[in-house]
Amino acid sequence: MKERLTMELPLGSEIMTTVRLATGSMASLMRLDLDRSEDCKVCVTESLLLITHAGFSRARVTYYEDGGLFVRIEGEGERGAACAVPEDEISAALLGALAENVEIIREGMFSVSFAFKA
């Protein structure tokens, strides 16, 4: 896999627009159609919400190319108090329905990864 873009950012609602724009740009570069691009943006947003609920205030978002778009999102920094909410299960279900190769690791360094094949 070739690394294409990595962003380290604070988590907050004001940063979501920037991350969604970057995700849409990467999806366009990977030649994903509009529907798959929108699905990818939803998956990135839901992943960031999961990481926020896990107690992280920062995240690293990495986009890779390998016959499609692969995304890995990791919580960064000190992990604060987690506040798991019922919506977390909805977020996980959305990821499973929209993306391929979904992996959510909740132990230790919280991370979410998924793929959208071209």
PDB file of N, CA and C in Angstrom:
ATOM      1  N   MET A   1       0.835  -1.179   0.000  1.00  0.00           N
ATOM      2  CA  MET A   1       0.000   0.000   0.000  1.00  0.00           C
ATOM      3  C   MET A   1       0.880   1.242   0.000  1.00  0.00           C
ATOM      4  N   LYS A   2       0.402   2.261  -0.676  1.00  0.00           N
ATOM      5  CA  LYS A   2       1.123   3.527  -0.718  1.00  0.00           C
ATOM      6  C   LYS A   2       0.382   4.545   0.135  1.00  0.00           C
ATOM      7  N   GLU A   3       1.087   5.183   1.028  1.00  0.00           N
ATOM      8  CA  GLU A   3       0.469   6.229   1.832  1.00  0.00           C
ATOM      9  C   GLU A   3       0.273   7.461   0.963  1.00  0.00           C
ATOM     10  N   ARG A   4      -0.894   8.018   1.021  1.00  0.00           N
ATOM     11  CA  ARG A   4      -1.197   9.187   0.199  1.00  0.00           C
ATOM     12  C   ARG A   4      -1.355  10.458   1.025  1.00  0.00           C
ATOM     13  N   LEU A   5      -1.998  10.360   2.196  1.00  0.00           N
ATOM     14  CA  LEU A   5      -2.245  11.548   2.997  1.00  0.00           C
ATOM     15  C   LEU A   5      -2.485  11.139   4.442  1.00  0.00           C
ATOM     16  N   THR A   6      -1.857  11.861   5.361  1.00  0.00           N
ATOM     17  CA  THR A   6      -2.093  11.659   6.784  1.00  0.00           C
ATOM     18  C   THR A   6      -2.360  13.013   7.410  1.00  0.00           C
ATOM     19  N   MET A   7      -3.411  13.068   8.221  1.00  0.00           N
ATOM     20  CA  MET A   7      -3.749  14.287   8.951  1.00  0.00           C
ATOM     21  C   MET A   7      -3.812  13.965  10.433  1.00  0.00           C
ATOM     22  N   GLU A   8      -3.205  14.791  11.255  1.00  0.00           N
ATOM     23  CA  GLU A   8      -3.332  14.697  12.707  1.00  0.00           C
ATOM     24  C   GLU A   8      -4.105  15.927  13.132  1.00  0.00           C
ATOM     25  N   LEU A   9      -5.207  15.719  13.843  1.00  0.00           N
ATOM     26  CA  LEU A   9      -6.090  16.845  14.105  1.00  0.00           C
ATOM     27  C   LEU A   9      -6.820  16.729  15.429  1.00  0.00           C
ATOM     28  N   PRO A  10      -7.229  17.891  15.961  1.00  0.00           N
ATOM     29  CA  PRO A  10      -8.061  17.861  17.165  1.00  0.00           C
ATOM     30  C   PRO A  10      -9.465  17.431  16.772  1.00  0.00           C
ATOM     31  N   LEU A  11     -10.148  16.769  17.680  1.00  0.00           N
ATOM     32  CA  LEU A  11     -11.509  16.341  17.394  1.00  0.00           C
ATOM     33  C   LEU A  11     -12.494  17.392  17.881  1.00  0.00           C
ATOM     34  N   GLY A  12     -13.411  17.726  17.048  1.00  0.00           N
ATOM     35  CA  GLY A  12     -14.443  18.701  17.373  1.00  0.00           C
ATOM     36  C   GLY A  12     -15.327  18.885  16.165  1.00  0.00           C
ATOM     37  N   SER A  13     -16.533  19.332  16.396  1.00  0.00           N
ATOM     38  CA  SER A  13     -17.486  19.462  15.293  1.00  0.00           C
ATOM     39  C   SER A  13     -16.996  20.428  14.219  1.00  0.00           C
ATOM     40  N   GLU A  14     -16.225  21.443  14.608  1.00  0.00           N
ATOM     41  CA  GLU A  14     -15.761  22.423  13.631  1.00  0.00           C
ATOM     42  C   GLU A  14     -14.741  21.846  12.650  1.00  0.00           C
ATOM     43  N   ILE A  15     -14.073  20.761  12.997  1.00  0.00           N
ATOM     44  CA  ILE A  15     -13.057  20.172  12.114  1.00  0.00           C
ATOM     45  C   ILE A  15     -13.662  19.155  11.146  1.00  0.00           C
ATOM     46  N   MET A  16     -14.879  18.701  11.402  1.00  0.00           N
ATOM     47  CA  MET A  16     -15.503  17.656  10.577  1.00  0.00           C
ATOM     48  C   MET A  16     -15.640  18.072   9.116  1.00  0.00           C
ATOM     49  N   THR A  17     -15.953  19.341   8.863  1.00  0.00           N
ATOM     50  CA  THR A  17     -16.093  19.807   7.483  1.00  0.00           C
ATOM     51  C   THR A  17     -14.778  19.653   6.732  1.00  0.00           C
ATOM     52  N   THR A  18     -13.682  20.004   7.379  1.00  0.00           N
ATOM     53  CA  THR A  18     -12.363  19.881   6.753  1.00  0.00           C
ATOM     54  C   THR A  18     -12.042  18.426   6.434  1.00  0.00           C
ATOM     55  N   VAL A  19     -12.320  17.531   7.378  1.00  0.00           N
ATOM     56  CA  VAL A  19     -12.039  16.105   7.172  1.00  0.00           C
ATOM     57  C   VAL A  19     -12.927  15.552   6.058  1.00  0.00           C
ATOM     58  N   ARG A  20     -14.189  15.950   6.034  1.00  0.00           N
ATOM     59  CA  ARG A  20     -15.091  15.484   4.977  1.00  0.00           C
ATOM     60  C   ARG A  20     -14.629  15.970   3.599  1.00  0.00           C
ATOM     61  N   LEU A  21     -14.148  17.211   3.509  1.00  0.00           N
ATOM     62  CA  LEU A  21     -13.631  17.724   2.233  1.00  0.00           C
ATOM     63  C   LEU A  21     -12.395  16.946   1.792  1.00  0.00           C
ATOM     64  N   ALA A  22     -11.485  16.676   2.721  1.00  0.00           N
ATOM     65  CA  ALA A  22     -10.286  15.895   2.392  1.00  0.00           C
ATOM     66  C   ALA A  22     -10.676  14.483   1.946  1.00  0.00           C
ATOM     67  N   THR A  23     -11.654  13.890   2.620  1.00  0.00           N
ATOM     68  CA  THR A  23     -12.107  12.545   2.259  1.00  0.00           C
ATOM     69  C   THR A  23     -12.707  12.543   0.863  1.00  0.00           C
ATOM     70  N   GLY A  24     -13.532  13.530   0.565  1.00  0.00           N
ATOM     71  CA  GLY A  24     -14.114  13.631  -0.774  1.00  0.00           C
ATOM     72  C   GLY A  24     -13.050  13.801  -1.843  1.00  0.00           C
ATOM     73  N   SER A  25     -12.016  14.578  -1.542  1.00  0.00           N
ATOM     74  CA  SER A  25     -10.915  14.775  -2.496  1.00  0.00           C
ATOM     75  C   SER A  25     -10.160  13.478  -2.749  1.00  0.00           C
ATOM     76  N   MET A  26      -9.876  12.743  -1.668  1.00  0.00           N
ATOM     77  CA  MET A  26      -9.176  11.464  -1.835  1.00  0.00           C
ATOM     78  C   MET A  26     -10.046  10.472  -2.610  1.00  0.00           C
ATOM     79  N   ALA A  27     -11.340  10.444  -2.341  1.00  0.00           N
ATOM     80  CA  ALA A  27     -12.245   9.544  -3.060  1.00  0.00           C
ATOM     81  C   ALA A  27     -12.267   9.892  -4.545  1.00  0.00           C
ATOM     82  N   SER A  28     -12.235  11.167  -4.854  1.00  0.00           N
ATOM     83  CA  SER A  28     -12.198  11.602  -6.252  1.00  0.00           C
ATOM     84  C   SER A  28     -10.902  11.164  -6.929  1.00  0.00           C
ATOM     85  N   LEU A  29      -9.769  11.324  -6.234  1.00  0.00           N
ATOM     86  CA  LEU A  29      -8.488  10.887  -6.787  1.00  0.00           C
ATOM     87  C   LEU A  29      -8.466   9.385  -7.070  1.00  0.00           C
ATOM     88  N   MET A  30      -9.185   8.621  -6.234  1.00  0.00           N
ATOM     89  CA  MET A  30      -9.236   7.164  -6.392  1.00  0.00           C
ATOM     90  C   MET A  30     -10.340   6.744  -7.357  1.00  0.00           C
ATOM     91  N   ARG A  31     -11.002   7.720  -7.949  1.00  0.00           N
ATOM     92  CA  ARG A  31     -12.039   7.498  -8.952  1.00  0.00           C
ATOM     93  C   ARG A  31     -13.261   6.743  -8.413  1.00  0.00           C
ATOM     94  N   LEU A  32     -13.606   7.004  -7.156  1.00  0.00           N
ATOM     95  CA  LEU A  32     -14.836   6.446  -6.612  1.00  0.00           C
ATOM     96  C   LEU A  32     -16.000   7.270  -7.147  1.00  0.00           C
ATOM     97  N   ASP A  33     -17.120   6.606  -7.452  1.00  0.00           N
ATOM     98  CA  ASP A  33     -18.272   7.366  -7.929  1.00  0.00           C
ATOM     99  C   ASP A  33     -18.861   8.196  -6.784  1.00  0.00           C
ATOM    100  N   LEU A  34     -19.801   9.058  -7.110  1.00  0.00           N
ATOM    101  CA  LEU A  34     -20.344   9.999  -6.129  1.00  0.00           C
ATOM    102  C   LEU A  34     -20.976   9.290  -4.934  1.00  0.00           C
ATOM    103  N   ASP A  35     -21.731   8.220  -5.179  1.00  0.00           N
ATOM    104  CA  ASP A  35     -22.367   7.496  -4.076  1.00  0.00           C
ATOM    105  C   ASP A  35     -21.338   6.889  -3.134  1.00  0.00           C
ATOM    106  N   ARG A  36     -20.302   6.262  -3.680  1.00  0.00           N
ATOM    107  CA  ARG A  36     -19.256   5.659  -2.846  1.00  0.00           C
ATOM    108  C   ARG A  36     -18.465   6.737  -2.109  1.00  0.00           C
ATOM    109  N   SER A  37     -18.270   7.885  -2.762  1.00  0.00           N
ATOM    110  CA  SER A  37     -17.579   8.997  -2.118  1.00  0.00           C
ATOM    111  C   SER A  37     -18.379   9.482  -0.908  1.00  0.00           C
ATOM    112  N   GLU A  38     -19.683   9.628  -1.064  1.00  0.00           N
ATOM    113  CA  GLU A  38     -20.536  10.049   0.052  1.00  0.00           C
ATOM    114  C   GLU A  38     -20.525   9.004   1.169  1.00  0.00           C
ATOM    115  N   ASP A  39     -20.561   7.726   0.798  1.00  0.00           N
ATOM    116  CA  ASP A  39     -20.498   6.654   1.794  1.00  0.00           C
ATOM    117  C   ASP A  39     -19.191   6.725   2.583  1.00  0.00           C
ATOM    118  N   CYS A  40     -18.105   7.003   1.884  1.00  0.00           N
ATOM    119  CA  CYS A  40     -16.795   7.092   2.538  1.00  0.00           C
ATOM    120  C   CYS A  40     -16.775   8.257   3.525  1.00  0.00           C
ATOM    121  N   LYS A  41     -17.342   9.389   3.148  1.00  0.00           N
ATOM    122  CA  LYS A  41     -17.399  10.538   4.052  1.00  0.00           C
ATOM    123  C   LYS A  41     -18.216  10.220   5.301  1.00  0.00           C
ATOM    124  N   VAL A  42     -19.311   9.495   5.124  1.00  0.00           N
ATOM    125  CA  VAL A  42     -20.123   9.082   6.275  1.00  0.00           C
ATOM    126  C   VAL A  42     -19.296   8.182   7.190  1.00  0.00           C
ATOM    127  N   CYS A  43     -18.556   7.242   6.608  1.00  0.00           N
ATOM    128  CA  CYS A  43     -17.748   6.311   7.406  1.00  0.00           C
ATOM    129  C   CYS A  43     -16.652   7.034   8.184  1.00  0.00           C
ATOM    130  N   VAL A  44     -16.024   8.009   7.569  1.00  0.00           N
ATOM    131  CA  VAL A  44     -14.987   8.774   8.268  1.00  0.00           C
ATOM    132  C   VAL A  44     -15.611   9.553   9.426  1.00  0.00           C
ATOM    133  N   THR A  45     -16.740  10.197   9.183  1.00  0.00           N
ATOM    134  CA  THR A  45     -17.412  10.956  10.237  1.00  0.00           C
ATOM    135  C   THR A  45     -17.824  10.054  11.395  1.00  0.00           C
ATOM    136  N   GLU A  46     -18.414   8.901  11.089  1.00  0.00           N
ATOM    137  CA  GLU A  46     -18.841   7.971  12.134  1.00  0.00           C
ATOM    138  C   GLU A  46     -17.642   7.421  12.909  1.00  0.00           C
ATOM    139  N   SER A  47     -16.539   7.182  12.218  1.00  0.00           N
ATOM    140  CA  SER A  47     -15.327   6.706  12.885  1.00  0.00           C
ATOM    141  C   SER A  47     -14.792   7.745  13.859  1.00  0.00           C
ATOM    142  N   LEU A  48     -14.790   8.998  13.448  1.00  0.00           N
ATOM    143  CA  LEU A  48     -14.328  10.061  14.328  1.00  0.00           C
ATOM    144  C   LEU A  48     -15.239  10.208  15.550  1.00  0.00           C
ATOM    145  N   LEU A  49     -16.529  10.011  15.369  1.00  0.00           N
ATOM    146  CA  LEU A  49     -17.449  10.045  16.510  1.00  0.00           C
ATOM    147  C   LEU A  49     -17.150   8.904  17.478  1.00  0.00           C
ATOM    148  N   LEU A  50     -16.877   7.710  16.951  1.00  0.00           N
ATOM    149  CA  LEU A  50     -16.523   6.574  17.810  1.00  0.00           C
ATOM    150  C   LEU A  50     -15.270   6.882  18.633  1.00  0.00           C
ATOM    151  N   ILE A  51     -14.291   7.479  17.986  1.00  0.00           N
ATOM    152  CA  ILE A  51     -13.039   7.787  18.670  1.00  0.00           C
ATOM    153  C   ILE A  51     -13.248   8.888  19.715  1.00  0.00           C
ATOM    154  N   THR A  52     -14.084   9.847  19.410  1.00  0.00           N
ATOM    155  CA  THR A  52     -14.414  10.885  20.381  1.00  0.00           C
ATOM    156  C   THR A  52     -15.109  10.272  21.599  1.00  0.00           C
ATOM    157  N   HIS A  53     -16.071   9.397  21.349  1.00  0.00           N
ATOM    158  CA  HIS A  53     -16.793   8.746  22.455  1.00  0.00           C
ATOM    159  C   HIS A  53     -15.884   7.836  23.275  1.00  0.00           C
ATOM    160  N   ALA A  54     -14.778   7.370  22.669  1.00  0.00           N
ATOM    161  CA  ALA A  54     -13.824   6.522  23.384  1.00  0.00           C
ATOM    162  C   ALA A  54     -12.912   7.347  24.298  1.00  0.00           C
ATOM    163  N   GLY A  55     -13.057   8.674  24.271  1.00  0.00           N
ATOM    164  CA  GLY A  55     -12.309   9.515  25.194  1.00  0.00           C
ATOM    165  C   GLY A  55     -11.112  10.236  24.602  1.00  0.00           C
ATOM    166  N   PHE A  56     -10.916  10.165  23.309  1.00  0.00           N
ATOM    167  CA  PHE A  56      -9.779  10.846  22.684  1.00  0.00           C
ATOM    168  C   PHE A  56     -10.168  12.253  22.258  1.00  0.00           C
ATOM    169  N   SER A  57      -9.221  13.175  22.327  1.00  0.00           N
ATOM    170  CA  SER A  57      -9.468  14.543  21.878  1.00  0.00           C
ATOM    171  C   SER A  57      -8.712  14.858  20.585  1.00  0.00           C
ATOM    172  N   ARG A  58      -7.907  13.889  20.114  1.00  0.00           N
ATOM    173  CA  ARG A  58      -7.159  14.047  18.863  1.00  0.00           C
ATOM    174  C   ARG A  58      -7.229  12.746  18.074  1.00  0.00           C
ATOM    175  N   ALA A  59      -7.035  12.854  16.761  1.00  0.00           N
ATOM    176  CA  ALA A  59      -7.051  11.664  15.907  1.00  0.00           C
ATOM    177  C   ALA A  59      -6.051  11.818  14.766  1.00  0.00           C
ATOM    178  N   ARG A  60      -5.645  10.689  14.244  1.00  0.00           N
ATOM    179  CA  ARG A  60      -4.825  10.634  13.032  1.00  0.00           C
ATOM    180  C   ARG A  60      -5.657   9.924  11.972  1.00  0.00           C
ATOM    181  N   VAL A  61      -5.833  10.586  10.830  1.00  0.00           N
ATOM    182  CA  VAL A  61      -6.585  10.018   9.714  1.00  0.00           C
ATOM    183  C   VAL A  61      -5.586   9.784   8.586  1.00  0.00           C
ATOM    184  N   THR A  62      -5.496   8.539   8.130  1.00  0.00           N
ATOM    185  CA  THR A  62      -4.559   8.194   7.064  1.00  0.00           C
ATOM    186  C   THR A  62      -5.322   7.559   5.911  1.00  0.00           C
ATOM    187  N   TYR A  63      -5.055   8.062   4.703  1.00  0.00           N
ATOM    188  CA  TYR A  63      -5.669   7.550   3.481  1.00  0.00           C
ATOM    189  C   TYR A  63      -4.589   6.835   2.672  1.00  0.00           C
ATOM    190  N   TYR A  64      -4.906   5.628   2.208  1.00  0.00           N
ATOM    191  CA  TYR A  64      -3.980   4.842   1.390  1.00  0.00           C
ATOM    192  C   TYR A  64      -4.632   4.486   0.070  1.00  0.00           C
ATOM    193  N   GLU A  65      -3.805   4.247  -0.924  1.00  0.00           N
ATOM    194  CA  GLU A  65      -4.270   3.786  -2.226  1.00  0.00           C
ATOM    195  C   GLU A  65      -3.749   2.373  -2.467  1.00  0.00           C
ATOM    196  N   ASP A  66      -4.638   1.488  -2.888  1.00  0.00           N
ATOM    197  CA  ASP A  66      -4.246   0.136  -3.290  1.00  0.00           C
ATOM    198  C   ASP A  66      -5.433  -0.507  -3.996  1.00  0.00           C
ATOM    199  N   GLY A  67      -5.691  -0.068  -5.223  1.00  0.00           N
ATOM    200  CA  GLY A  67      -6.837  -0.574  -5.957  1.00  0.00           C
ATOM    201  C   GLY A  67      -8.150  -0.015  -5.429  1.00  0.00           C
ATOM    202  N   GLY A  68      -8.067   1.017  -4.652  1.00  0.00           N
ATOM    203  CA  GLY A  68      -9.221   1.657  -4.038  1.00  0.00           C
ATOM    204  C   GLY A  68      -8.728   2.584  -2.954  1.00  0.00           C
ATOM    205  N   LEU A  69      -9.634   3.010  -2.116  1.00  0.00           N
ATOM    206  CA  LEU A  69      -9.281   3.916  -1.035  1.00  0.00           C
ATOM    207  C   LEU A  69      -9.388   3.190   0.293  1.00  0.00           C
ATOM    208  N   PHE A  70      -8.305   3.169   1.037  1.00  0.00           N
ATOM    209  CA  PHE A  70      -8.254   2.562   2.365  1.00  0.00           C
ATOM    210  C   PHE A  70      -8.061   3.680   3.376  1.00  0.00           C
ATOM    211  N   VAL A  71      -8.810   3.614   4.463  1.00  0.00           N
ATOM    212  CA  VAL A  71      -8.761   4.660   5.476  1.00  0.00           C
ATOM    213  C   VAL A  71      -8.514   4.017   6.836  1.00  0.00           C
ATOM    214  N   ARG A  72      -7.620   4.637   7.609  1.00  0.00           N
ATOM    215  CA  ARG A  72      -7.365   4.206   8.984  1.00  0.00           C
ATOM    216  C   ARG A  72      -7.433   5.446   9.868  1.00  0.00           C
ATOM    217  N   ILE A  73      -8.211   5.357  10.929  1.00  0.00           N
ATOM    218  CA  ILE A  73      -8.385   6.469  11.849  1.00  0.00           C
ATOM    219  C   ILE A  73      -8.042   5.967  13.243  1.00  0.00           C
ATOM    220  N   GLU A  74      -7.119   6.677  13.908  1.00  0.00           N
ATOM    221  CA  GLU A  74      -6.652   6.261  15.229  1.00  0.00           C
ATOM    222  C   GLU A  74      -6.824   7.393  16.234  1.00  0.00           C
ATOM    223  N   GLY A  75      -7.207   7.035  17.454  1.00  0.00           N
ATOM    224  CA  GLY A  75      -7.230   8.002  18.539  1.00  0.00           C
ATOM    225  C   GLY A  75      -5.802   8.315  18.927  1.00  0.00           C
ATOM    226  N   GLU A  76      -5.539   9.579  19.274  1.00  0.00           N
ATOM    227  CA  GLU A  76      -4.185   9.992  19.643  1.00  0.00           C
ATOM    228  C   GLU A  76      -4.180  10.724  20.964  1.00  0.00           C
ATOM    229  N   GLY A  77      -3.055  10.664  21.642  1.00  0.00           N
ATOM    230  CA  GLY A  77      -2.878  11.393  22.884  1.00  0.00           C
ATOM    231  C   GLY A  77      -3.468  10.644  24.066  1.00  0.00           C
ATOM    232  N   GLU A  78      -3.586  11.371  25.154  1.00  0.00           N
ATOM    233  CA  GLU A  78      -4.145  10.782  26.374  1.00  0.00           C
ATOM    234  C   GLU A  78      -5.618  10.456  26.166  1.00  0.00           C
ATOM    235  N   ARG A  79      -5.975   9.303  26.660  1.00  0.00           N
ATOM    236  CA  ARG A  79      -7.364   8.878  26.552  1.00  0.00           C
ATOM    237  C   ARG A  79      -8.107   9.328  27.807  1.00  0.00           C
ATOM    238  N   GLY A  80      -9.127  10.154  27.623  1.00  0.00           N
ATOM    239  CA  GLY A  80      -9.929  10.633  28.741  1.00  0.00           C
ATOM    240  C   GLY A  80     -11.051   9.651  29.046  1.00  0.00           C
ATOM    241  N   ALA A  81     -12.018  10.134  29.749  1.00  0.00           N
ATOM    242  CA  ALA A  81     -13.165   9.308  30.128  1.00  0.00           C
ATOM    243  C   ALA A  81     -13.995   8.972  28.891  1.00  0.00           C
ATOM    244  N   ALA A  82     -14.269   7.709  28.730  1.00  0.00           N
ATOM    245  CA  ALA A  82     -15.102   7.254  27.613  1.00  0.00           C
ATOM    246  C   ALA A  82     -16.566   7.492  27.961  1.00  0.00           C
ATOM    247  N   CYS A  83     -17.345   7.775  26.946  1.00  0.00           N
ATOM    248  CA  CYS A  83     -18.778   7.969  27.155  1.00  0.00           C
ATOM    249  C   CYS A  83     -19.537   7.214  26.069  1.00  0.00           C
ATOM    250  N   ALA A  84     -19.446   5.885  26.113  1.00  0.00           N
ATOM    251  CA  ALA A  84     -20.135   5.068  25.121  1.00  0.00           C
ATOM    252  C   ALA A  84     -21.618   5.395  25.138  1.00  0.00           C
ATOM    253  N   VAL A  85     -22.162   5.603  23.957  1.00  0.00           N
ATOM    254  CA  VAL A  85     -23.577   5.931  23.821  1.00  0.00           C
ATOM    255  C   VAL A  85     -24.221   4.913  22.891  1.00  0.00           C
ATOM    256  N   PRO A  86     -25.524   4.746  22.967  1.00  0.00           N
ATOM    257  CA  PRO A  86     -26.195   3.768  22.095  1.00  0.00           C
ATOM    258  C   PRO A  86     -25.934   4.009  20.605  1.00  0.00           C
ATOM    259  N   GLU A  87     -25.672   5.261  20.241  1.00  0.00           N
ATOM    260  CA  GLU A  87     -25.409   5.573  18.838  1.00  0.00           C
ATOM    261  C   GLU A  87     -24.118   4.932  18.326  1.00  0.00           C
ATOM    262  N   ASP A  88     -23.219   4.528  19.242  1.00  0.00           N
ATOM    263  CA  ASP A  88     -21.982   3.873  18.814  1.00  0.00           C
ATOM    264  C   ASP A  88     -22.282   2.590  18.041  1.00  0.00           C
ATOM    265  N   GLU A  89     -23.290   1.859  18.457  1.00  0.00           N
ATOM    266  CA  GLU A  89     -23.663   0.631  17.739  1.00  0.00           C
ATOM    267  C   GLU A  89     -24.214   0.958  16.356  1.00  0.00           C
ATOM    268  N   ILE A  90     -24.917   2.076  16.251  1.00  0.00           N
ATOM    269  CA  ILE A  90     -25.422   2.506  14.940  1.00  0.00           C
ATOM    270  C   ILE A  90     -24.247   2.885  14.049  1.00  0.00           C
ATOM    271  N   SER A  91     -23.266   3.589  14.620  1.00  0.00           N
ATOM    272  CA  SER A  91     -22.072   3.957  13.850  1.00  0.00           C
ATOM    273  C   SER A  91     -21.352   2.714  13.336  1.00  0.00           C
ATOM    274  N   ALA A  92     -21.182   1.726  14.201  1.00  0.00           N
ATOM    275  CA  ALA A  92     -20.509   0.485  13.802  1.00  0.00           C
ATOM    276  C   ALA A  92     -21.316  -0.236  12.718  1.00  0.00           C
ATOM    277  N   ALA A  93     -22.634  -0.241  12.839  1.00  0.00           N
ATOM    278  CA  ALA A  93     -23.481  -0.886  11.831  1.00  0.00           C
ATOM    279  C   ALA A  93     -23.389  -0.161  10.490  1.00  0.00           C
ATOM    280  N   LEU A  94     -23.356   1.169  10.520  1.00  0.00           N
ATOM    281  CA  LEU A  94     -23.207   1.932   9.278  1.00  0.00           C
ATOM    282  C   LEU A  94     -21.881   1.610   8.593  1.00  0.00           C
ATOM    283  N   LEU A  95     -20.828   1.563   9.379  1.00  0.00           N
ATOM    284  CA  LEU A  95     -19.522   1.209   8.812  1.00  0.00           C
ATOM    285  C   LEU A  95     -19.578  -0.155   8.130  1.00  0.00           C
ATOM    286  N   GLY A  96     -20.164  -1.133   8.818  1.00  0.00           N
ATOM    287  CA  GLY A  96     -20.260  -2.480   8.257  1.00  0.00           C
ATOM    288  C   GLY A  96     -21.106  -2.548   7.001  1.00  0.00           C
ATOM    289  N   ALA A  97     -22.134  -1.714   6.925  1.00  0.00           N
ATOM    290  CA  ALA A  97     -23.025  -1.730   5.763  1.00  0.00           C
ATOM    291  C   ALA A  97     -22.447  -0.981   4.564  1.00  0.00           C
ATOM    292  N   LEU A  98     -21.673   0.069   4.820  1.00  0.00           N
ATOM    293  CA  LEU A  98     -21.220   0.931   3.726  1.00  0.00           C
ATOM    294  C   LEU A  98     -19.829   0.606   3.195  1.00  0.00           C
ATOM    295  N   ALA A  99     -18.944   0.103   4.056  1.00  0.00           N
ATOM    296  CA  ALA A  99     -17.542  -0.084   3.666  1.00  0.00           C
ATOM    297  C   ALA A  99     -17.181  -1.562   3.636  1.00  0.00           C
ATOM    298  N   GLU A 100     -15.993  -1.831   3.135  1.00  0.00           N
ATOM    299  CA  GLU A 100     -15.445  -3.184   3.079  1.00  0.00           C
ATOM    300  C   GLU A 100     -14.285  -3.290   4.060  1.00  0.00           C
ATOM    301  N   ASN A 101     -13.978  -4.512   4.473  1.00  0.00           N
ATOM    302  CA  ASN A 101     -12.828  -4.779   5.348  1.00  0.00           C
ATOM    303  C   ASN A 101     -12.827  -3.902   6.596  1.00  0.00           C
ATOM    304  N   VAL A 102     -13.973  -3.751   7.219  1.00  0.00           N
ATOM    305  CA  VAL A 102     -14.085  -2.906   8.411  1.00  0.00           C
ATOM    306  C   VAL A 102     -13.442  -3.608   9.599  1.00  0.00           C
ATOM    307  N   GLU A 103     -12.616  -2.865  10.322  1.00  0.00           N
ATOM    308  CA  GLU A 103     -11.987  -3.375  11.543  1.00  0.00           C
ATOM    309  C   GLU A 103     -12.017  -2.271  12.595  1.00  0.00           C
ATOM    310  N   ILE A 104     -12.627  -2.578  13.728  1.00  0.00           N
ATOM    311  CA  ILE A 104     -12.688  -1.639  14.841  1.00  0.00           C
ATOM    312  C   ILE A 104     -11.938  -2.270  16.002  1.00  0.00           C
ATOM    313  N   ILE A 105     -10.877  -1.615  16.432  1.00  0.00           N
ATOM    314  CA  ILE A 105     -10.080  -2.107  17.556  1.00  0.00           C
ATOM    315  C   ILE A 105     -10.315  -1.156  18.721  1.00  0.00           C
ATOM    316  N   ARG A 106     -10.943  -1.664  19.768  1.00  0.00           N
ATOM    317  CA  ARG A 106     -11.324  -0.822  20.903  1.00  0.00           C
ATOM    318  C   ARG A 106     -10.349  -0.931  22.071  1.00  0.00           C
ATOM    319  N   GLU A 107      -9.476  -1.911  22.063  1.00  0.00           N
ATOM    320  CA  GLU A 107      -8.518  -2.106  23.158  1.00  0.00           C
ATOM    321  C   GLU A 107      -7.259  -1.303  22.881  1.00  0.00           C
ATOM    322  N   GLY A 108      -6.682  -0.735  23.945  1.00  0.00           N
ATOM    323  CA  GLY A 108      -5.440   0.028  23.782  1.00  0.00           C
ATOM    324  C   GLY A 108      -5.661   1.236  22.904  1.00  0.00           C
ATOM    325  N   MET A 109      -4.917   1.321  21.819  1.00  0.00           N
ATOM    326  CA  MET A 109      -5.041   2.427  20.883  1.00  0.00           C
ATOM    327  C   MET A 109      -6.272   2.199  20.025  1.00  0.00           C
ATOM    328  N   PHE A 110      -7.312   2.925  20.254  1.00  0.00           N
ATOM    329  CA  PHE A 110      -8.577   2.781  19.535  1.00  0.00           C
ATOM    330  C   PHE A 110      -8.360   3.129  18.072  1.00  0.00           C
ATOM    331  N   SER A 111      -8.783   2.248  17.157  1.00  0.00           N
ATOM    332  CA  SER A 111      -8.639   2.557  15.725  1.00  0.00           C
ATOM    333  C   SER A 111      -9.786   1.954  14.942  1.00  0.00           C
ATOM    334  N   VAL A 112     -10.045   2.564  13.820  1.00  0.00           N
ATOM    335  CA  VAL A 112     -11.058   2.104  12.875  1.00  0.00           C
ATOM    336  C   VAL A 112     -10.417   2.112  11.499  1.00  0.00           C
ATOM    337  N   SER A 113     -10.569   1.030  10.760  1.00  0.00           N
ATOM    338  CA  SER A 113     -10.066   1.012   9.391  1.00  0.00           C
ATOM    339  C   SER A 113     -11.116   0.383   8.485  1.00  0.00           C
ATOM    340  N   PHE A 114     -11.106   0.814   7.217  1.00  0.00           N
ATOM    341  CA  PHE A 114     -12.067   0.299   6.246  1.00  0.00           C
ATOM    342  C   PHE A 114     -11.568   0.622   4.840  1.00  0.00           C
ATOM    343  N   ALA A 115     -12.237   0.045   3.851  1.00  0.00           N
ATOM    344  CA  ALA A 115     -11.824   0.221   2.460  1.00  0.00           C
ATOM    345  C   ALA A 115     -13.023   0.479   1.563  1.00  0.00           C
ATOM    346  N   PHE A 116     -12.758   1.161   0.488  1.00  0.00           N
ATOM    347  CA  PHE A 116     -13.707   1.329  -0.619  1.00  0.00           C
ATOM    348  C   PHE A 116     -12.939   0.954  -1.880  1.00  0.00           C
ATOM    349  N   LYS A 117     -13.257  -0.185  -2.444  1.00  0.00           N
ATOM    350  CA  LYS A 117     -12.562  -0.651  -3.641  1.00  0.00           C
ATOM    351  C   LYS A 117     -13.041   0.122  -4.856  1.00  0.00           C
ATOM    352  N   ALA A 118     -12.109   0.385  -5.754  1.00  0.00           N
ATOM    353  CA  ALA A 118     -12.441   1.139  -6.979  1.00  0.00           C
ATOM    354  C   ALA A 118     -13.225   0.267  -7.932  1.00  0.00           C
TER     355      ALA A 118
END
